Amino acid sequence: MPKRVSMKQLELFRHEKRDNVESRVKQLERRIAQAIRDGNLRKAEELAEEQRILLESQINN
């Protein structure tokens, strides 16, 4: 039988998840900028697509 989770624990989990997503988005932004500086537009496009998918998944949750 699953253990009940307090609202405080649930809120903490949501906060940590949001922080992880924000961190990943910023990391992708840095990698996109680096790929553009390096002239690797294909890689920048792939990273931008990954970032878009990540953000859309957050909107849907």
PDB file of N, CA and C in Angstrom:
ATOM      1  N   MET A   1       0.840  -1.187   0.000  1.00  0.00           N
ATOM      2  CA  MET A   1       0.000   0.000   0.000  1.00  0.00           C
ATOM      3  C   MET A   1       0.886   1.252   0.000  1.00  0.00           C
ATOM      4  N   PRO A   2       0.651   2.175  -0.913  1.00  0.00           N
ATOM      5  CA  PRO A   2       1.505   3.359  -0.988  1.00  0.00           C
ATOM      6  C   PRO A   2       1.377   4.238   0.249  1.00  0.00           C
ATOM      7  N   LYS A   3       2.493   4.808   0.619  1.00  0.00           N
ATOM      8  CA  LYS A   3       2.529   5.712   1.763  1.00  0.00           C
ATOM      9  C   LYS A   3       2.010   7.084   1.334  1.00  0.00           C
ATOM     10  N   ARG A   4       1.256   7.716   2.193  1.00  0.00           N
ATOM     11  CA  ARG A   4       0.739   9.054   1.882  1.00  0.00           C
ATOM     12  C   ARG A   4       1.871  10.070   1.952  1.00  0.00           C
ATOM     13  N   VAL A   5       1.793  11.033   1.083  1.00  0.00           N
ATOM     14  CA  VAL A   5       2.802  12.084   1.028  1.00  0.00           C
ATOM     15  C   VAL A   5       2.161  13.378   1.506  1.00  0.00           C
ATOM     16  N   SER A   6       2.861  14.058   2.389  1.00  0.00           N
ATOM     17  CA  SER A   6       2.313  15.316   2.895  1.00  0.00           C
ATOM     18  C   SER A   6       2.366  16.385   1.808  1.00  0.00           C
ATOM     19  N   MET A   7       1.542  17.383   1.964  1.00  0.00           N
ATOM     20  CA  MET A   7       1.516  18.488   1.001  1.00  0.00           C
ATOM     21  C   MET A   7       2.870  19.190   0.963  1.00  0.00           C
ATOM     22  N   LYS A   8       3.516  19.294   2.114  1.00  0.00           N
ATOM     23  CA  LYS A   8       4.829  19.940   2.177  1.00  0.00           C
ATOM     24  C   LYS A   8       5.844  19.154   1.352  1.00  0.00           C
ATOM     25  N   GLN A   9       5.828  17.823   1.476  1.00  0.00           N
ATOM     26  CA  GLN A   9       6.740  16.988   0.701  1.00  0.00           C
ATOM     27  C   GLN A   9       6.441  17.107  -0.791  1.00  0.00           C
ATOM     28  N   LEU A  10       5.176  17.129  -1.136  1.00  0.00           N
ATOM     29  CA  LEU A  10       4.775  17.249  -2.532  1.00  0.00           C
ATOM     30  C   LEU A  10       5.217  18.596  -3.106  1.00  0.00           C
ATOM     31  N   GLU A  11       5.040  19.649  -2.353  1.00  0.00           N
ATOM     32  CA  GLU A  11       5.463  20.979  -2.799  1.00  0.00           C
ATOM     33  C   GLU A  11       6.981  21.037  -2.953  1.00  0.00           C
ATOM     34  N   LEU A  12       7.707  20.416  -2.045  1.00  0.00           N
ATOM     35  CA  LEU A  12       9.167  20.373  -2.131  1.00  0.00           C
ATOM     36  C   LEU A  12       9.600  19.630  -3.391  1.00  0.00           C
ATOM     37  N   PHE A  13       8.944  18.509  -3.672  1.00  0.00           N
ATOM     38  CA  PHE A  13       9.254  17.737  -4.876  1.00  0.00           C
ATOM     39  C   PHE A  13       9.006  18.574  -6.130  1.00  0.00           C
ATOM     40  N   ARG A  14       7.881  19.265  -6.178  1.00  0.00           N
ATOM     41  CA  ARG A  14       7.558  20.107  -7.340  1.00  0.00           C
ATOM     42  C   ARG A  14       8.584  21.220  -7.514  1.00  0.00           C
ATOM     43  N   HIS A  15       8.995  21.810  -6.391  1.00  0.00           N
ATOM     44  CA  HIS A  15       9.987  22.886  -6.429  1.00  0.00           C
ATOM     45  C   HIS A  15      11.318  22.359  -6.964  1.00  0.00           C
ATOM     46  N   GLU A  16      11.751  21.193  -6.477  1.00  0.00           N
ATOM     47  CA  GLU A  16      13.003  20.592  -6.940  1.00  0.00           C
ATOM     48  C   GLU A  16      12.918  20.248  -8.424  1.00  0.00           C
ATOM     49  N   LYS A  17      11.784  19.722  -8.849  1.00  0.00           N
ATOM     50  CA  LYS A  17      11.598  19.368 -10.257  1.00  0.00           C
ATOM     51  C   LYS A  17      11.672  20.615 -11.126  1.00  0.00           C
ATOM     52  N   ARG A  18      11.024  21.688 -10.689  1.00  0.00           N
ATOM     53  CA  ARG A  18      11.045  22.947 -11.442  1.00  0.00           C
ATOM     54  C   ARG A  18      12.470  23.492 -11.527  1.00  0.00           C
ATOM     55  N   ASP A  19      13.213  23.427 -10.412  1.00  0.00           N
ATOM     56  CA  ASP A  19      14.598  23.890 -10.411  1.00  0.00           C
ATOM     57  C   ASP A  19      15.451  23.072 -11.369  1.00  0.00           C
ATOM     58  N   ASN A  20      15.227  21.757 -11.409  1.00  0.00           N
ATOM     59  CA  ASN A  20      15.979  20.899 -12.320  1.00  0.00           C
ATOM     60  C   ASN A  20      15.682  21.259 -13.769  1.00  0.00           C
ATOM     61  N   VAL A  21      14.430  21.524 -14.070  1.00  0.00           N
ATOM     62  CA  VAL A  21      14.047  21.891 -15.439  1.00  0.00           C
ATOM     63  C   VAL A  21      14.664  23.239 -15.804  1.00  0.00           C
ATOM     64  N   GLU A  22      14.591  24.205 -14.899  1.00  0.00           N
ATOM     65  CA  GLU A  22      15.175  25.516 -15.173  1.00  0.00           C
ATOM     66  C   GLU A  22      16.678  25.405 -15.396  1.00  0.00           C
ATOM     67  N   SER A  23      17.327  24.582 -14.601  1.00  0.00           N
ATOM     68  CA  SER A  23      18.762  24.362 -14.753  1.00  0.00           C
ATOM     69  C   SER A  23      19.074  23.738 -16.108  1.00  0.00           C
ATOM     70  N   ARG A  24      18.282  22.764 -16.514  1.00  0.00           N
ATOM     71  CA  ARG A  24      18.490  22.099 -17.805  1.00  0.00           C
ATOM     72  C   ARG A  24      18.249  23.070 -18.964  1.00  0.00           C
ATOM     73  N   VAL A  25      17.238  23.922 -18.850  1.00  0.00           N
ATOM     74  CA  VAL A  25      16.954  24.911 -19.898  1.00  0.00           C
ATOM     75  C   VAL A  25      18.137  25.872 -20.037  1.00  0.00           C
ATOM     76  N   LYS A  26      18.672  26.343 -18.915  1.00  0.00           N
ATOM     77  CA  LYS A  26      19.815  27.261 -18.959  1.00  0.00           C
ATOM     78  C   LYS A  26      21.047  26.574 -19.544  1.00  0.00           C
ATOM     79  N   GLN A  27      21.241  25.309 -19.180  1.00  0.00           N
ATOM     80  CA  GLN A  27      22.362  24.547 -19.727  1.00  0.00           C
ATOM     81  C   GLN A  27      22.227  24.424 -21.248  1.00  0.00           C
ATOM     82  N   LEU A  28      21.024  24.126 -21.704  1.00  0.00           N
ATOM     83  CA  LEU A  28      20.788  24.023 -23.145  1.00  0.00           C
ATOM     84  C   LEU A  28      21.017  25.364 -23.835  1.00  0.00           C
ATOM     85  N   GLU A  29      20.609  26.461 -23.199  1.00  0.00           N
ATOM     86  CA  GLU A  29      20.843  27.790 -23.774  1.00  0.00           C
ATOM     87  C   GLU A  29      22.333  28.041 -23.971  1.00  0.00           C
ATOM     88  N   ARG A  30      23.130  27.670 -22.966  1.00  0.00           N
ATOM     89  CA  ARG A  30      24.581  27.849 -23.077  1.00  0.00           C
ATOM     90  C   ARG A  30      25.160  26.985 -24.195  1.00  0.00           C
ATOM     91  N   ARG A  31      24.684  25.745 -24.291  1.00  0.00           N
ATOM     92  CA  ARG A  31      25.188  24.845 -25.331  1.00  0.00           C
ATOM     93  C   ARG A  31      24.766  25.308 -26.726  1.00  0.00           C
ATOM     94  N   ILE A  32      23.558  25.860 -26.845  1.00  0.00           N
ATOM     95  CA  ILE A  32      23.094  26.400 -28.130  1.00  0.00           C
ATOM     96  C   ILE A  32      23.985  27.573 -28.540  1.00  0.00           C
ATOM     97  N   ALA A  33      24.235  28.479 -27.605  1.00  0.00           N
ATOM     98  CA  ALA A  33      25.080  29.642 -27.899  1.00  0.00           C
ATOM     99  C   ALA A  33      26.482  29.199 -28.316  1.00  0.00           C
ATOM    100  N   GLN A  34      27.021  28.201 -27.631  1.00  0.00           N
ATOM    101  CA  GLN A  34      28.357  27.705 -27.975  1.00  0.00           C
ATOM    102  C   GLN A  34      28.364  27.077 -29.365  1.00  0.00           C
ATOM    103  N   ALA A  35      27.341  26.306 -29.673  1.00  0.00           N
ATOM    104  CA  ALA A  35      27.257  25.679 -30.997  1.00  0.00           C
ATOM    105  C   ALA A  35      27.173  26.745 -32.090  1.00  0.00           C
ATOM    106  N   ILE A  36      26.438  27.816 -31.834  1.00  0.00           N
ATOM    107  CA  ILE A  36      26.335  28.908 -32.810  1.00  0.00           C
ATOM    108  C   ILE A  36      27.694  29.586 -32.981  1.00  0.00           C
ATOM    109  N   ARG A  37      28.370  29.862 -31.860  1.00  0.00           N
ATOM    110  CA  ARG A  37      29.706  30.475 -31.943  1.00  0.00           C
ATOM    111  C   ARG A  37      30.674  29.591 -32.726  1.00  0.00           C
ATOM    112  N   ASP A  38      30.531  28.272 -32.555  1.00  0.00           N
ATOM    113  CA  ASP A  38      31.399  27.320 -33.261  1.00  0.00           C
ATOM    114  C   ASP A  38      30.988  27.134 -34.719  1.00  0.00           C
ATOM    115  N   GLY A  39      29.857  27.698 -35.095  1.00  0.00           N
ATOM    116  CA  GLY A  39      29.375  27.567 -36.463  1.00  0.00           C
ATOM    117  C   GLY A  39      28.666  26.250 -36.731  1.00  0.00           C
ATOM    118  N   ASN A  40      28.329  25.526 -35.665  1.00  0.00           N
ATOM    119  CA  ASN A  40      27.668  24.228 -35.801  1.00  0.00           C
ATOM    120  C   ASN A  40      26.153  24.429 -35.676  1.00  0.00           C
ATOM    121  N   LEU A  41      25.562  24.894 -36.752  1.00  0.00           N
ATOM    122  CA  LEU A  41      24.135  25.231 -36.712  1.00  0.00           C
ATOM    123  C   LEU A  41      23.249  24.003 -36.587  1.00  0.00           C
ATOM    124  N   ARG A  42      23.680  22.883 -37.128  1.00  0.00           N
ATOM    125  CA  ARG A  42      22.896  21.648 -37.004  1.00  0.00           C
ATOM    126  C   ARG A  42      22.789  21.246 -35.525  1.00  0.00           C
ATOM    127  N   LYS A  43      23.904  21.325 -34.804  1.00  0.00           N
ATOM    128  CA  LYS A  43      23.895  20.986 -33.378  1.00  0.00           C
ATOM    129  C   LYS A  43      23.032  21.989 -32.605  1.00  0.00           C
ATOM    130  N   ALA A  44      23.145  23.265 -32.944  1.00  0.00           N
ATOM    131  CA  ALA A  44      22.337  24.290 -32.279  1.00  0.00           C
ATOM    132  C   ALA A  44      20.853  24.019 -32.490  1.00  0.00           C
ATOM    133  N   GLU A  45      20.502  23.617 -33.699  1.00  0.00           N
ATOM    134  CA  GLU A  45      19.104  23.309 -34.001  1.00  0.00           C
ATOM    135  C   GLU A  45      18.621  22.096 -33.203  1.00  0.00           C
ATOM    136  N   GLU A  46      19.457  21.067 -33.094  1.00  0.00           N
ATOM    137  CA  GLU A  46      19.091  19.876 -32.316  1.00  0.00           C
ATOM    138  C   GLU A  46      18.880  20.230 -30.847  1.00  0.00           C
ATOM    139  N   LEU A  47      19.769  21.052 -30.311  1.00  0.00           N
ATOM    140  CA  LEU A  47      19.652  21.463 -28.910  1.00  0.00           C
ATOM    141  C   LEU A  47      18.413  22.334 -28.690  1.00  0.00           C
ATOM    142  N   ALA A  48      18.122  23.208 -29.637  1.00  0.00           N
ATOM    143  CA  ALA A  48      16.930  24.056 -29.537  1.00  0.00           C
ATOM    144  C   ALA A  48      15.662  23.202 -29.547  1.00  0.00           C
ATOM    145  N   GLU A  49      15.664  22.157 -30.361  1.00  0.00           N
ATOM    146  CA  GLU A  49      14.515  21.242 -30.406  1.00  0.00           C
ATOM    147  C   GLU A  49      14.359  20.520 -29.063  1.00  0.00           C
ATOM    148  N   GLU A  50      15.480  20.091 -28.492  1.00  0.00           N
ATOM    149  CA  GLU A  50      15.439  19.430 -27.180  1.00  0.00           C
ATOM    150  C   GLU A  50      14.879  20.382 -26.121  1.00  0.00           C
ATOM    151  N   GLN A  51      15.308  21.636 -26.182  1.00  0.00           N
ATOM    152  CA  GLN A  51      14.823  22.637 -25.236  1.00  0.00           C
ATOM    153  C   GLN A  51      13.319  22.876 -25.423  1.00  0.00           C
ATOM    154  N   ARG A  52      12.872  22.958 -26.660  1.00  0.00           N
ATOM    155  CA  ARG A  52      11.444  23.164 -26.947  1.00  0.00           C
ATOM    156  C   ARG A  52      10.610  22.024 -26.374  1.00  0.00           C
ATOM    157  N   ILE A  53      11.067  20.790 -26.577  1.00  0.00           N
ATOM    158  CA  ILE A  53      10.346  19.621 -26.067  1.00  0.00           C
ATOM    159  C   ILE A  53      10.279  19.659 -24.544  1.00  0.00           C
ATOM    160  N   LEU A  54      11.383  20.007 -23.912  1.00  0.00           N
ATOM    161  CA  LEU A  54      11.424  20.099 -22.451  1.00  0.00           C
ATOM    162  C   LEU A  54      10.430  21.142 -21.944  1.00  0.00           C
ATOM    163  N   LEU A  55      10.416  22.304 -22.565  1.00  0.00           N
ATOM    164  CA  LEU A  55       9.500  23.367 -22.141  1.00  0.00           C
ATOM    165  C   LEU A  55       8.043  22.991 -22.387  1.00  0.00           C
ATOM    166  N   GLU A  56       7.765  22.363 -23.520  1.00  0.00           N
ATOM    167  CA  GLU A  56       6.392  21.927 -23.801  1.00  0.00           C
ATOM    168  C   GLU A  56       5.925  20.891 -22.785  1.00  0.00           C
ATOM    169  N   SER A  57       6.813  20.002 -22.390  1.00  0.00           N
ATOM    170  CA  SER A  57       6.428  18.983 -21.412  1.00  0.00           C
ATOM    171  C   SER A  57       6.090  19.626 -20.071  1.00  0.00           C
ATOM    172  N   GLN A  58       6.768  20.718 -19.742  1.00  0.00           N
ATOM    173  CA  GLN A  58       6.472  21.424 -18.498  1.00  0.00           C
ATOM    174  C   GLN A  58       5.126  22.131 -18.575  1.00  0.00           C
ATOM    175  N   ILE A  59       4.814  22.678 -19.725  1.00  0.00           N
ATOM    176  CA  ILE A  59       3.528  23.359 -19.906  1.00  0.00           C
ATOM    177  C   ILE A  59       2.386  22.358 -19.763  1.00  0.00           C
ATOM    178  N   ASN A  60       2.582  21.167 -20.292  1.00  0.00           N
ATOM    179  CA  ASN A  60       1.534  20.147 -20.266  1.00  0.00           C
ATOM    180  C   ASN A  60       1.356  19.509 -18.894  1.00  0.00           C
ATOM    181  N   ASN A  61       2.310  19.701 -18.000  1.00  0.00           N
ATOM    182  CA  ASN A  61       2.194  19.104 -16.657  1.00  0.00           C
ATOM    183  C   ASN A  61       1.568  20.032 -15.713  1.00  0.00           C
TER     184      ASN A  61
END
